[in-house]
Amino acid sequence: MFEILYNQTLTETITWLQEEKVEIIGELVLFPSTDYLQKSLAATPSELTITVTEYLQMFDHYELVARTIDGDYLLANEHEVVMLPHSHIKEDFLYYYDTFSSLIIKYANSKNSIETFFKK
């Protein structure tokens, strides 16, 4: 189903998913609100966690595209996807070094957890 997204830009991928009303793919909830994430970041400040300011600066380079059922968030740009863990600990960020469309295609054709596609 998602092979149509092959070689699509992030904007094209998001537009297609929204037009097709795709809201959930496996354990991913697409296009979540940023409200809960911002409140969670503000409630868990520590030297190890990303700050609200750092999070907002990430939006200069990434777009929030999904949330996992475990509460992790996926942010994407044209070249990579970042998994921001629910712990908000910077050292626990995971990376998928390819496009969001590539991740969706691989994940949809797999039985693996979304996390298995990411690396430190």
PDB file of N, CA and C in Angstrom:
ATOM      1  N   MET A   1       0.812  -1.201   0.000  1.00  0.00           N
ATOM      2  CA  MET A   1       0.000   0.000   0.000  1.00  0.00           C
ATOM      3  C   MET A   1       0.854   1.262   0.000  1.00  0.00           C
ATOM      4  N   PHE A   2       1.953   1.256   0.747  1.00  0.00           N
ATOM      5  CA  PHE A   2       2.751   2.471   0.898  1.00  0.00           C
ATOM      6  C   PHE A   2       3.873   2.595  -0.127  1.00  0.00           C
ATOM      7  N   GLU A   3       4.012   1.613  -1.009  1.00  0.00           N
ATOM      8  CA  GLU A   3       5.066   1.673  -2.017  1.00  0.00           C
ATOM      9  C   GLU A   3       4.933   2.898  -2.913  1.00  0.00           C
ATOM     10  N   ILE A   4       3.741   3.450  -3.024  1.00  0.00           N
ATOM     11  CA  ILE A   4       3.522   4.666  -3.806  1.00  0.00           C
ATOM     12  C   ILE A   4       4.349   5.834  -3.267  1.00  0.00           C
ATOM     13  N   LEU A   5       4.751   5.740  -2.015  1.00  0.00           N
ATOM     14  CA  LEU A   5       5.529   6.808  -1.380  1.00  0.00           C
ATOM     15  C   LEU A   5       7.019   6.736  -1.707  1.00  0.00           C
ATOM     16  N   TYR A   6       7.435   5.704  -2.413  1.00  0.00           N
ATOM     17  CA  TYR A   6       8.851   5.531  -2.736  1.00  0.00           C
ATOM     18  C   TYR A   6       9.395   6.780  -3.425  1.00  0.00           C
ATOM     19  N   ASN A   7      10.509   7.294  -2.928  1.00  0.00           N
ATOM     20  CA  ASN A   7      11.185   8.491  -3.451  1.00  0.00           C
ATOM     21  C   ASN A   7      10.374   9.775  -3.332  1.00  0.00           C
ATOM     22  N   GLN A   8       9.397   9.801  -2.447  1.00  0.00           N
ATOM     23  CA  GLN A   8       8.617  11.021  -2.234  1.00  0.00           C
ATOM     24  C   GLN A   8       9.309  11.910  -1.204  1.00  0.00           C
ATOM     25  N   THR A   9       9.141  13.210  -1.349  1.00  0.00           N
ATOM     26  CA  THR A   9       9.672  14.145  -0.359  1.00  0.00           C
ATOM     27  C   THR A   9       8.849  14.032   0.917  1.00  0.00           C
ATOM     28  N   LEU A  10       9.333  14.645   1.968  1.00  0.00           N
ATOM     29  CA  LEU A  10       8.590  14.631   3.229  1.00  0.00           C
ATOM     30  C   LEU A  10       7.230  15.289   3.051  1.00  0.00           C
ATOM     31  N   THR A  11       7.197  16.418   2.384  1.00  0.00           N
ATOM     32  CA  THR A  11       5.928  17.119   2.157  1.00  0.00           C
ATOM     33  C   THR A  11       4.972  16.270   1.337  1.00  0.00           C
ATOM     34  N   GLU A  12       5.467  15.634   0.288  1.00  0.00           N
ATOM     35  CA  GLU A  12       4.620  14.774  -0.544  1.00  0.00           C
ATOM     36  C   GLU A  12       4.105  13.578   0.256  1.00  0.00           C
ATOM     37  N   THR A  13       4.953  13.008   1.087  1.00  0.00           N
ATOM     38  CA  THR A  13       4.556  11.871   1.918  1.00  0.00           C
ATOM     39  C   THR A  13       3.459  12.273   2.893  1.00  0.00           C
ATOM     40  N   ILE A  14       3.665  13.376   3.587  1.00  0.00           N
ATOM     41  CA  ILE A  14       2.673  13.852   4.555  1.00  0.00           C
ATOM     42  C   ILE A  14       1.358  14.173   3.858  1.00  0.00           C
ATOM     43  N   THR A  15       1.430  14.848   2.728  1.00  0.00           N
ATOM     44  CA  THR A  15       0.218  15.202   1.981  1.00  0.00           C
ATOM     45  C   THR A  15      -0.546  13.951   1.574  1.00  0.00           C
ATOM     46  N   TRP A  16       0.156  12.946   1.046  1.00  0.00           N
ATOM     47  CA  TRP A  16      -0.511  11.714   0.622  1.00  0.00           C
ATOM     48  C   TRP A  16      -1.168  11.013   1.812  1.00  0.00           C
ATOM     49  N   LEU A  17      -0.449  10.900   2.916  1.00  0.00           N
ATOM     50  CA  LEU A  17      -1.007  10.240   4.101  1.00  0.00           C
ATOM     51  C   LEU A  17      -2.253  10.967   4.604  1.00  0.00           C
ATOM     52  N   GLN A  18      -2.225  12.290   4.597  1.00  0.00           N
ATOM     53  CA  GLN A  18      -3.385  13.064   5.044  1.00  0.00           C
ATOM     54  C   GLN A  18      -4.548  12.933   4.066  1.00  0.00           C
ATOM     55  N   GLU A  19      -4.268  12.987   2.773  1.00  0.00           N
ATOM     56  CA  GLU A  19      -5.328  12.842   1.768  1.00  0.00           C
ATOM     57  C   GLU A  19      -5.972  11.460   1.830  1.00  0.00           C
ATOM     58  N   GLU A  20      -5.167  10.450   2.111  1.00  0.00           N
ATOM     59  CA  GLU A  20      -5.678   9.078   2.211  1.00  0.00           C
ATOM     60  C   GLU A  20      -6.253   8.774   3.596  1.00  0.00           C
ATOM     61  N   LYS A  21      -6.188   9.775   4.482  1.00  0.00           N
ATOM     62  CA  LYS A  21      -6.710   9.660   5.848  1.00  0.00           C
ATOM     63  C   LYS A  21      -6.060   8.507   6.624  1.00  0.00           C
ATOM     64  N   VAL A  22      -4.774   8.330   6.406  1.00  0.00           N
ATOM     65  CA  VAL A  22      -4.012   7.329   7.149  1.00  0.00           C
ATOM     66  C   VAL A  22      -3.623   7.964   8.475  1.00  0.00           C
ATOM     67  N   GLU A  23      -4.150   7.443   9.556  1.00  0.00           N
ATOM     68  CA  GLU A  23      -3.881   7.995  10.885  1.00  0.00           C
ATOM     69  C   GLU A  23      -3.028   7.076  11.743  1.00  0.00           C
ATOM     70  N   ILE A  24      -3.076   5.777  11.451  1.00  0.00           N
ATOM     71  CA  ILE A  24      -2.334   4.793  12.242  1.00  0.00           C
ATOM     72  C   ILE A  24      -1.662   3.807  11.292  1.00  0.00           C
ATOM     73  N   ILE A  25      -0.394   3.532  11.566  1.00  0.00           N
ATOM     74  CA  ILE A  25       0.339   2.479  10.862  1.00  0.00           C
ATOM     75  C   ILE A  25       0.986   1.633  11.950  1.00  0.00           C
ATOM     76  N   GLY A  26       0.437   0.453  12.193  1.00  0.00           N
ATOM     77  CA  GLY A  26       0.975  -0.406  13.246  1.00  0.00           C
ATOM     78  C   GLY A  26       0.945   0.295  14.586  1.00  0.00           C
ATOM     79  N   GLU A  27       2.131   0.484  15.168  1.00  0.00           N
ATOM     80  CA  GLU A  27       2.222   1.129  16.478  1.00  0.00           C
ATOM     81  C   GLU A  27       2.443   2.637  16.373  1.00  0.00           C
ATOM     82  N   LEU A  28       2.297   3.200  15.169  1.00  0.00           N
ATOM     83  CA  LEU A  28       2.491   4.637  14.965  1.00  0.00           C
ATOM     84  C   LEU A  28       1.164   5.369  14.828  1.00  0.00           C
ATOM     85  N   VAL A  29       1.025   6.445  15.575  1.00  0.00           N
ATOM     86  CA  VAL A  29      -0.095   7.370  15.415  1.00  0.00           C
ATOM     87  C   VAL A  29       0.488   8.565  14.680  1.00  0.00           C
ATOM     88  N   LEU A  30      -0.026   8.832  13.484  1.00  0.00           N
ATOM     89  CA  LEU A  30       0.541   9.888  12.661  1.00  0.00           C
ATOM     90  C   LEU A  30       0.021  11.260  13.051  1.00  0.00           C
ATOM     91  N   PHE A  31       0.880  12.251  12.891  1.00  0.00           N
ATOM     92  CA  PHE A  31       0.571  13.666  13.064  1.00  0.00           C
ATOM     93  C   PHE A  31      -0.049  13.996  14.420  1.00  0.00           C
ATOM     94  N   PRO A  32       0.649  13.632  15.498  1.00  0.00           N
ATOM     95  CA  PRO A  32       0.125  13.914  16.842  1.00  0.00           C
ATOM     96  C   PRO A  32       0.222  15.399  17.171  1.00  0.00           C
ATOM     97  N   SER A  33      -0.540  15.797  18.151  1.00  0.00           N
ATOM     98  CA  SER A  33      -0.474  17.166  18.656  1.00  0.00           C
ATOM     99  C   SER A  33       0.832  17.355  19.417  1.00  0.00           C
ATOM    100  N   THR A  34       1.365  18.542  19.373  1.00  0.00           N
ATOM    101  CA  THR A  34       2.588  18.836  20.123  1.00  0.00           C
ATOM    102  C   THR A  34       2.290  19.219  21.565  1.00  0.00           C
ATOM    103  N   ASP A  35       1.032  19.438  21.909  1.00  0.00           N
ATOM    104  CA  ASP A  35       0.667  19.915  23.246  1.00  0.00           C
ATOM    105  C   ASP A  35       1.162  18.993  24.356  1.00  0.00           C
ATOM    106  N   TYR A  36       0.846  17.708  24.254  1.00  0.00           N
ATOM    107  CA  TYR A  36       1.238  16.771  25.306  1.00  0.00           C
ATOM    108  C   TYR A  36       2.754  16.685  25.420  1.00  0.00           C
ATOM    109  N   LEU A  37       3.431  16.645  24.295  1.00  0.00           N
ATOM    110  CA  LEU A  37       4.886  16.551  24.305  1.00  0.00           C
ATOM    111  C   LEU A  37       5.504  17.773  24.974  1.00  0.00           C
ATOM    112  N   GLN A  38       5.021  18.947  24.671  1.00  0.00           N
ATOM    113  CA  GLN A  38       5.558  20.163  25.290  1.00  0.00           C
ATOM    114  C   GLN A  38       5.314  20.173  26.795  1.00  0.00           C
ATOM    115  N   LYS A  39       4.134  19.738  27.232  1.00  0.00           N
ATOM    116  CA  LYS A  39       3.839  19.668  28.666  1.00  0.00           C
ATOM    117  C   LYS A  39       4.736  18.639  29.352  1.00  0.00           C
ATOM    118  N   SER A  40       4.947  17.513  28.698  1.00  0.00           N
ATOM    119  CA  SER A  40       5.790  16.464  29.250  1.00  0.00           C
ATOM    120  C   SER A  40       7.237  16.940  29.382  1.00  0.00           C
ATOM    121  N   LEU A  41       7.726  17.649  28.384  1.00  0.00           N
ATOM    122  CA  LEU A  41       9.088  18.192  28.443  1.00  0.00           C
ATOM    123  C   LEU A  41       9.235  19.184  29.585  1.00  0.00           C
ATOM    124  N   ALA A  42       8.243  20.024  29.761  1.00  0.00           N
ATOM    125  CA  ALA A  42       8.290  21.026  30.823  1.00  0.00           C
ATOM    126  C   ALA A  42       8.220  20.382  32.206  1.00  0.00           C
ATOM    127  N   ALA A  43       7.562  19.227  32.298  1.00  0.00           N
ATOM    128  CA  ALA A  43       7.371  18.562  33.591  1.00  0.00           C
ATOM    129  C   ALA A  43       8.550  17.675  33.994  1.00  0.00           C
ATOM    130  N   THR A  44       9.460  17.397  33.065  1.00  0.00           N
ATOM    131  CA  THR A  44      10.561  16.474  33.367  1.00  0.00           C
ATOM    132  C   THR A  44      11.931  17.101  33.136  1.00  0.00           C
ATOM    133  N   PRO A  45      12.155  18.306  33.659  1.00  0.00           N
ATOM    134  CA  PRO A  45      13.459  18.928  33.406  1.00  0.00           C
ATOM    135  C   PRO A  45      14.577  18.231  34.181  1.00  0.00           C
ATOM    136  N   SER A  46      15.686  18.041  33.519  1.00  0.00           N
ATOM    137  CA  SER A  46      16.887  17.504  34.162  1.00  0.00           C
ATOM    138  C   SER A  46      18.063  17.812  33.245  1.00  0.00           C
ATOM    139  N   GLU A  47      19.251  17.624  33.761  1.00  0.00           N
ATOM    140  CA  GLU A  47      20.440  17.860  32.945  1.00  0.00           C
ATOM    141  C   GLU A  47      20.538  16.879  31.784  1.00  0.00           C
ATOM    142  N   LEU A  48      19.896  15.735  31.903  1.00  0.00           N
ATOM    143  CA  LEU A  48      19.985  14.697  30.881  1.00  0.00           C
ATOM    144  C   LEU A  48      18.942  14.837  29.783  1.00  0.00           C
ATOM    145  N   THR A  49      17.862  15.553  30.064  1.00  0.00           N
ATOM    146  CA  THR A  49      16.753  15.616  29.113  1.00  0.00           C
ATOM    147  C   THR A  49      16.857  16.828  28.205  1.00  0.00           C
ATOM    148  N   ILE A  50      16.189  16.721  27.087  1.00  0.00           N
ATOM    149  CA  ILE A  50      16.103  17.838  26.160  1.00  0.00           C
ATOM    150  C   ILE A  50      15.222  18.915  26.796  1.00  0.00           C
ATOM    151  N   THR A  51      15.597  20.153  26.633  1.00  0.00           N
ATOM    152  CA  THR A  51      14.803  21.247  27.193  1.00  0.00           C
ATOM    153  C   THR A  51      13.719  21.652  26.205  1.00  0.00           C
ATOM    154  N   VAL A  52      12.738  22.381  26.683  1.00  0.00           N
ATOM    155  CA  VAL A  52      11.681  22.875  25.801  1.00  0.00           C
ATOM    156  C   VAL A  52      12.299  23.751  24.714  1.00  0.00           C
ATOM    157  N   THR A  53      13.273  24.561  25.071  1.00  0.00           N
ATOM    158  CA  THR A  53      13.940  25.426  24.088  1.00  0.00           C
ATOM    159  C   THR A  53      14.642  24.597  23.012  1.00  0.00           C
ATOM    160  N   GLU A  54      15.371  23.557  23.421  1.00  0.00           N
ATOM    161  CA  GLU A  54      16.044  22.685  22.448  1.00  0.00           C
ATOM    162  C   GLU A  54      15.025  21.977  21.559  1.00  0.00           C
ATOM    163  N   TYR A  55      13.934  21.554  22.160  1.00  0.00           N
ATOM    164  CA  TYR A  55      12.872  20.897  21.402  1.00  0.00           C
ATOM    165  C   TYR A  55      12.322  21.843  20.342  1.00  0.00           C
ATOM    166  N   LEU A  56      12.024  23.069  20.730  1.00  0.00           N
ATOM    167  CA  LEU A  56      11.487  24.045  19.780  1.00  0.00           C
ATOM    168  C   LEU A  56      12.499  24.360  18.680  1.00  0.00           C
ATOM    169  N   GLN A  57      13.782  24.367  19.015  1.00  0.00           N
ATOM    170  CA  GLN A  57      14.816  24.601  18.008  1.00  0.00           C
ATOM    171  C   GLN A  57      14.895  23.447  17.008  1.00  0.00           C
ATOM    172  N   MET A  58      14.515  22.251  17.439  1.00  0.00           N
ATOM    173  CA  MET A  58      14.509  21.113  16.515  1.00  0.00           C
ATOM    174  C   MET A  58      13.548  21.353  15.358  1.00  0.00           C
ATOM    175  N   PHE A  59      12.514  22.148  15.597  1.00  0.00           N
ATOM    176  CA  PHE A  59      11.541  22.416  14.542  1.00  0.00           C
ATOM    177  C   PHE A  59      12.100  23.312  13.440  1.00  0.00           C
ATOM    178  N   ASP A  60      13.298  23.843  13.639  1.00  0.00           N
ATOM    179  CA  ASP A  60      13.979  24.535  12.548  1.00  0.00           C
ATOM    180  C   ASP A  60      14.482  23.527  11.520  1.00  0.00           C
ATOM    181  N   HIS A  61      14.631  22.271  11.939  1.00  0.00           N
ATOM    182  CA  HIS A  61      15.209  21.239  11.078  1.00  0.00           C
ATOM    183  C   HIS A  61      14.318  20.015  10.874  1.00  0.00           C
ATOM    184  N   TYR A  62      13.326  19.832  11.738  1.00  0.00           N
ATOM    185  CA  TYR A  62      12.489  18.631  11.694  1.00  0.00           C
ATOM    186  C   TYR A  62      11.013  18.983  11.832  1.00  0.00           C
ATOM    187  N   GLU A  63      10.192  18.026  11.424  1.00  0.00           N
ATOM    188  CA  GLU A  63       8.746  18.153  11.578  1.00  0.00           C
ATOM    189  C   GLU A  63       8.238  16.953  12.379  1.00  0.00           C
ATOM    190  N   LEU A  64       7.345  17.197  13.329  1.00  0.00           N
ATOM    191  CA  LEU A  64       6.754  16.115  14.115  1.00  0.00           C
ATOM    192  C   LEU A  64       5.810  15.326  13.214  1.00  0.00           C
ATOM    193  N   VAL A  65       6.082  14.028  13.054  1.00  0.00           N
ATOM    194  CA  VAL A  65       5.296  13.229  12.119  1.00  0.00           C
ATOM    195  C   VAL A  65       4.527  12.082  12.763  1.00  0.00           C
ATOM    196  N   ALA A  66       4.962  11.608  13.937  1.00  0.00           N
ATOM    197  CA  ALA A  66       4.275  10.453  14.529  1.00  0.00           C
ATOM    198  C   ALA A  66       4.625  10.308  16.006  1.00  0.00           C
ATOM    199  N   ARG A  67       3.783   9.522  16.674  1.00  0.00           N
ATOM    200  CA  ARG A  67       4.001   9.127  18.066  1.00  0.00           C
ATOM    201  C   ARG A  67       3.817   7.621  18.120  1.00  0.00           C
ATOM    202  N   THR A  68       4.648   6.944  18.895  1.00  0.00           N
ATOM    203  CA  THR A  68       4.483   5.499  19.048  1.00  0.00           C
ATOM    204  C   THR A  68       3.499   5.224  20.180  1.00  0.00           C
ATOM    205  N   ILE A  69       3.024   3.998  20.253  1.00  0.00           N
ATOM    206  CA  ILE A  69       2.119   3.635  21.339  1.00  0.00           C
ATOM    207  C   ILE A  69       2.835   3.660  22.683  1.00  0.00           C
ATOM    208  N   ASP A  70       4.175   3.645  22.652  1.00  0.00           N
ATOM    209  CA  ASP A  70       4.968   3.720  23.883  1.00  0.00           C
ATOM    210  C   ASP A  70       5.241   5.153  24.323  1.00  0.00           C
ATOM    211  N   GLY A  71       4.798   6.127  23.533  1.00  0.00           N
ATOM    212  CA  GLY A  71       4.992   7.527  23.899  1.00  0.00           C
ATOM    213  C   GLY A  71       6.250   8.161  23.348  1.00  0.00           C
ATOM    214  N   ASP A  72       6.939   7.480  22.441  1.00  0.00           N
ATOM    215  CA  ASP A  72       8.091   8.076  21.769  1.00  0.00           C
ATOM    216  C   ASP A  72       7.575   8.891  20.581  1.00  0.00           C
ATOM    217  N   TYR A  73       8.344   9.897  20.193  1.00  0.00           N
ATOM    218  CA  TYR A  73       7.924  10.760  19.091  1.00  0.00           C
ATOM    219  C   TYR A  73       8.913  10.669  17.944  1.00  0.00           C
ATOM    220  N   LEU A  74       8.390  10.741  16.711  1.00  0.00           N
ATOM    221  CA  LEU A  74       9.231  10.740  15.523  1.00  0.00           C
ATOM    222  C   LEU A  74       9.195  12.116  14.884  1.00  0.00           C
ATOM    223  N   LEU A  75      10.380  12.657  14.654  1.00  0.00           N
ATOM    224  CA  LEU A  75      10.534  13.921  13.956  1.00  0.00           C
ATOM    225  C   LEU A  75      11.338  13.632  12.697  1.00  0.00           C
ATOM    226  N   ALA A  76      10.945  14.238  11.580  1.00  0.00           N
ATOM    227  CA  ALA A  76      11.596  13.918  10.311  1.00  0.00           C
ATOM    228  C   ALA A  76      11.965  15.171   9.536  1.00  0.00           C
ATOM    229  N   ASN A  77      12.997  15.017   8.705  1.00  0.00           N
ATOM    230  CA  ASN A  77      13.293  15.998   7.673  1.00  0.00           C
ATOM    231  C   ASN A  77      13.475  15.210   6.376  1.00  0.00           C
ATOM    232  N   GLU A  78      14.041  15.815   5.364  1.00  0.00           N
ATOM    233  CA  GLU A  78      14.165  15.139   4.067  1.00  0.00           C
ATOM    234  C   GLU A  78      15.167  13.989   4.072  1.00  0.00           C
ATOM    235  N   HIS A  79      16.029  13.908   5.095  1.00  0.00           N
ATOM    236  CA  HIS A  79      17.125  12.945   5.052  1.00  0.00           C
ATOM    237  C   HIS A  79      17.166  11.951   6.199  1.00  0.00           C
ATOM    238  N   GLU A  80      16.429  12.215   7.267  1.00  0.00           N
ATOM    239  CA  GLU A  80      16.476  11.311   8.412  1.00  0.00           C
ATOM    240  C   GLU A  80      15.232  11.470   9.279  1.00  0.00           C
ATOM    241  N   VAL A  81      15.054  10.483  10.152  1.00  0.00           N
ATOM    242  CA  VAL A  81      13.970  10.494  11.130  1.00  0.00           C
ATOM    243  C   VAL A  81      14.616  10.301  12.497  1.00  0.00           C
ATOM    244  N   VAL A  82      14.194  11.113  13.457  1.00  0.00           N
ATOM    245  CA  VAL A  82      14.720  11.037  14.814  1.00  0.00           C
ATOM    246  C   VAL A  82      13.622  10.510  15.726  1.00  0.00           C
ATOM    247  N   MET A  83      13.968   9.525  16.570  1.00  0.00           N
ATOM    248  CA  MET A  83      13.032   9.044  17.575  1.00  0.00           C
ATOM    249  C   MET A  83      13.392   9.703  18.899  1.00  0.00           C
ATOM    250  N   LEU A  84      12.500  10.555  19.364  1.00  0.00           N
ATOM    251  CA  LEU A  84      12.655  11.238  20.649  1.00  0.00           C
ATOM    252  C   LEU A  84      11.962  10.370  21.692  1.00  0.00           C
ATOM    253  N   PRO A  85      12.726   9.739  22.591  1.00  0.00           N
ATOM    254  CA  PRO A  85      12.127   8.799  23.542  1.00  0.00           C
ATOM    255  C   PRO A  85      11.244   9.502  24.569  1.00  0.00           C
ATOM    256  N   HIS A  86      10.295   8.762  25.113  1.00  0.00           N
ATOM    257  CA  HIS A  86       9.384   9.346  26.106  1.00  0.00           C
ATOM    258  C   HIS A  86      10.131   9.805  27.353  1.00  0.00           C
ATOM    259  N   SER A  87      11.343   9.309  27.558  1.00  0.00           N
ATOM    260  CA  SER A  87      12.162   9.754  28.691  1.00  0.00           C
ATOM    261  C   SER A  87      12.758  11.138  28.451  1.00  0.00           C
ATOM    262  N   HIS A  88      12.796  11.563  27.188  1.00  0.00           N
ATOM    263  CA  HIS A  88      13.361  12.854  26.760  1.00  0.00           C
ATOM    264  C   HIS A  88      14.864  12.947  26.995  1.00  0.00           C
ATOM    265  N   ILE A  89      15.522  11.833  27.268  1.00  0.00           N
ATOM    266  CA  ILE A  89      16.963  11.843  27.522  1.00  0.00           C
ATOM    267  C   ILE A  89      17.709  11.928  26.186  1.00  0.00           C
ATOM    268  N   LYS A  90      18.563  12.932  26.070  1.00  0.00           N
ATOM    269  CA  LYS A  90      19.270  13.212  24.820  1.00  0.00           C
ATOM    270  C   LYS A  90      20.072  12.015  24.321  1.00  0.00           C
ATOM    271  N   GLU A  91      20.754  11.329  25.225  1.00  0.00           N
ATOM    272  CA  GLU A  91      21.598  10.202  24.820  1.00  0.00           C
ATOM    273  C   GLU A  91      20.790   9.011  24.304  1.00  0.00           C
ATOM    274  N   ASP A  92      19.486   9.006  24.542  1.00  0.00           N
ATOM    275  CA  ASP A  92      18.636   7.908  24.093  1.00  0.00           C
ATOM    276  C   ASP A  92      17.970   8.178  22.750  1.00  0.00           C
ATOM    277  N   PHE A  93      18.255   9.331  22.138  1.00  0.00           N
ATOM    278  CA  PHE A  93      17.706   9.611  20.811  1.00  0.00           C
ATOM    279  C   PHE A  93      18.175   8.518  19.856  1.00  0.00           C
ATOM    280  N   LEU A  94      17.291   8.106  18.964  1.00  0.00           N
ATOM    281  CA  LEU A  94      17.625   7.119  17.948  1.00  0.00           C
ATOM    282  C   LEU A  94      17.409   7.742  16.575  1.00  0.00           C
ATOM    283  N   TYR A  95      18.144   7.235  15.578  1.00  0.00           N
ATOM    284  CA  TYR A  95      18.108   7.833  14.245  1.00  0.00           C
ATOM    285  C   TYR A  95      17.868   6.781  13.172  1.00  0.00           C
ATOM    286  N   TYR A  96      17.074   7.165  12.200  1.00  0.00           N
ATOM    287  CA  TYR A  96      16.881   6.378  10.990  1.00  0.00           C
ATOM    288  C   TYR A  96      17.432   7.243   9.870  1.00  0.00           C
ATOM    289  N   TYR A  97      18.520   6.811   9.259  1.00  0.00           N
ATOM    290  CA  TYR A  97      19.238   7.641   8.299  1.00  0.00           C
ATOM    291  C   TYR A  97      18.732   7.448   6.875  1.00  0.00           C
ATOM    292  N   ASP A  98      17.476   7.738   6.691  1.00  0.00           N
ATOM    293  CA  ASP A  98      16.851   7.729   5.371  1.00  0.00           C
ATOM    294  C   ASP A  98      15.541   8.502   5.505  1.00  0.00           C
ATOM    295  N   THR A  99      14.749   8.509   4.469  1.00  0.00           N
ATOM    296  CA  THR A  99      13.537   9.323   4.449  1.00  0.00           C
ATOM    297  C   THR A  99      12.408   8.711   5.278  1.00  0.00           C
ATOM    298  N   PHE A 100      11.468   9.556   5.646  1.00  0.00           N
ATOM    299  CA  PHE A 100      10.274   9.101   6.357  1.00  0.00           C
ATOM    300  C   PHE A 100       9.490   8.125   5.492  1.00  0.00           C
ATOM    301  N   SER A 101       9.403   8.396   4.188  1.00  0.00           N
ATOM    302  CA  SER A 101       8.678   7.484   3.299  1.00  0.00           C
ATOM    303  C   SER A 101       9.348   6.112   3.266  1.00  0.00           C
ATOM    304  N   SER A 102      10.668   6.076   3.248  1.00  0.00           N
ATOM    305  CA  SER A 102      11.394   4.807   3.275  1.00  0.00           C
ATOM    306  C   SER A 102      11.098   4.039   4.559  1.00  0.00           C
ATOM    307  N   LEU A 103      11.078   4.751   5.673  1.00  0.00           N
ATOM    308  CA  LEU A 103      10.770   4.123   6.961  1.00  0.00           C
ATOM    309  C   LEU A 103       9.364   3.533   6.956  1.00  0.00           C
ATOM    310  N   ILE A 104       8.407   4.282   6.467  1.00  0.00           N
ATOM    311  CA  ILE A 104       7.022   3.798   6.427  1.00  0.00           C
ATOM    312  C   ILE A 104       6.923   2.531   5.587  1.00  0.00           C
ATOM    313  N   ILE A 105       7.534   2.541   4.418  1.00  0.00           N
ATOM    314  CA  ILE A 105       7.472   1.376   3.533  1.00  0.00           C
ATOM    315  C   ILE A 105       8.095   0.154   4.206  1.00  0.00           C
ATOM    316  N   LYS A 106       9.288   0.318   4.761  1.00  0.00           N
ATOM    317  CA  LYS A 106       9.961  -0.813   5.414  1.00  0.00           C
ATOM    318  C   LYS A 106       9.166  -1.314   6.617  1.00  0.00           C
ATOM    319  N   TYR A 107       8.672  -0.391   7.418  1.00  0.00           N
ATOM    320  CA  TYR A 107       7.922  -0.769   8.618  1.00  0.00           C
ATOM    321  C   TYR A 107       6.617  -1.478   8.259  1.00  0.00           C
ATOM    322  N   ALA A 108       5.900  -0.953   7.281  1.00  0.00           N
ATOM    323  CA  ALA A 108       4.622  -1.551   6.883  1.00  0.00           C
ATOM    324  C   ALA A 108       4.802  -2.959   6.319  1.00  0.00           C
ATOM    325  N   ASN A 109       5.962  -3.237   5.759  1.00  0.00           N
ATOM    326  CA  ASN A 109       6.236  -4.555   5.181  1.00  0.00           C
ATOM    327  C   ASN A 109       6.983  -5.478   6.139  1.00  0.00           C
ATOM    328  N   SER A 110       7.003  -5.124   7.403  1.00  0.00           N
ATOM    329  CA  SER A 110       7.742  -5.886   8.405  1.00  0.00           C
ATOM    330  C   SER A 110       6.825  -6.247   9.569  1.00  0.00           C
ATOM    331  N   LYS A 111       7.265  -7.183  10.353  1.00  0.00           N
ATOM    332  CA  LYS A 111       6.553  -7.512  11.586  1.00  0.00           C
ATOM    333  C   LYS A 111       7.326  -7.005  12.799  1.00  0.00           C
ATOM    334  N   ASN A 112       8.408  -6.276  12.551  1.00  0.00           N
ATOM    335  CA  ASN A 112       9.257  -5.770  13.623  1.00  0.00           C
ATOM    336  C   ASN A 112       8.685  -4.506  14.240  1.00  0.00           C
ATOM    337  N   SER A 113       9.111  -4.228  15.456  1.00  0.00           N
ATOM    338  CA  SER A 113       8.770  -2.983  16.127  1.00  0.00           C
ATOM    339  C   SER A 113       9.429  -1.827  15.381  1.00  0.00           C
ATOM    340  N   ILE A 114       8.816  -0.668  15.421  1.00  0.00           N
ATOM    341  CA  ILE A 114       9.368   0.505  14.739  1.00  0.00           C
ATOM    342  C   ILE A 114      10.768   0.821  15.247  1.00  0.00           C
ATOM    343  N   GLU A 115      11.019   0.578  16.508  1.00  0.00           N
ATOM    344  CA  GLU A 115      12.315   0.907  17.104  1.00  0.00           C
ATOM    345  C   GLU A 115      13.468   0.139  16.461  1.00  0.00           C
ATOM    346  N   THR A 116      13.194  -1.036  15.906  1.00  0.00           N
ATOM    347  CA  THR A 116      14.265  -1.849  15.320  1.00  0.00           C
ATOM    348  C   THR A 116      14.882  -1.210  14.079  1.00  0.00           C
ATOM    349  N   PHE A 117      14.239  -0.232  13.506  1.00  0.00           N
ATOM    350  CA  PHE A 117      14.750   0.427  12.307  1.00  0.00           C
ATOM    351  C   PHE A 117      15.704   1.581  12.631  1.00  0.00           C
ATOM    352  N   PHE A 118      15.813   1.923  13.901  1.00  0.00           N
ATOM    353  CA  PHE A 118      16.599   3.079  14.331  1.00  0.00           C
ATOM    354  C   PHE A 118      17.921   2.648  14.950  1.00  0.00           C
ATOM    355  N   LYS A 119      18.896   3.571  14.902  1.00  0.00           N
ATOM    356  CA  LYS A 119      20.212   3.343  15.502  1.00  0.00           C
ATOM    357  C   LYS A 119      20.596   4.550  16.330  1.00  0.00           C
ATOM    358  N   LYS A 120      21.539   4.346  17.237  1.00  0.00           N
ATOM    359  CA  LYS A 120      22.051   5.468  18.053  1.00  0.00           C
ATOM    360  C   LYS A 120      22.896   6.381  17.217  1.00  0.00           C
TER     361      LYS A 120
END
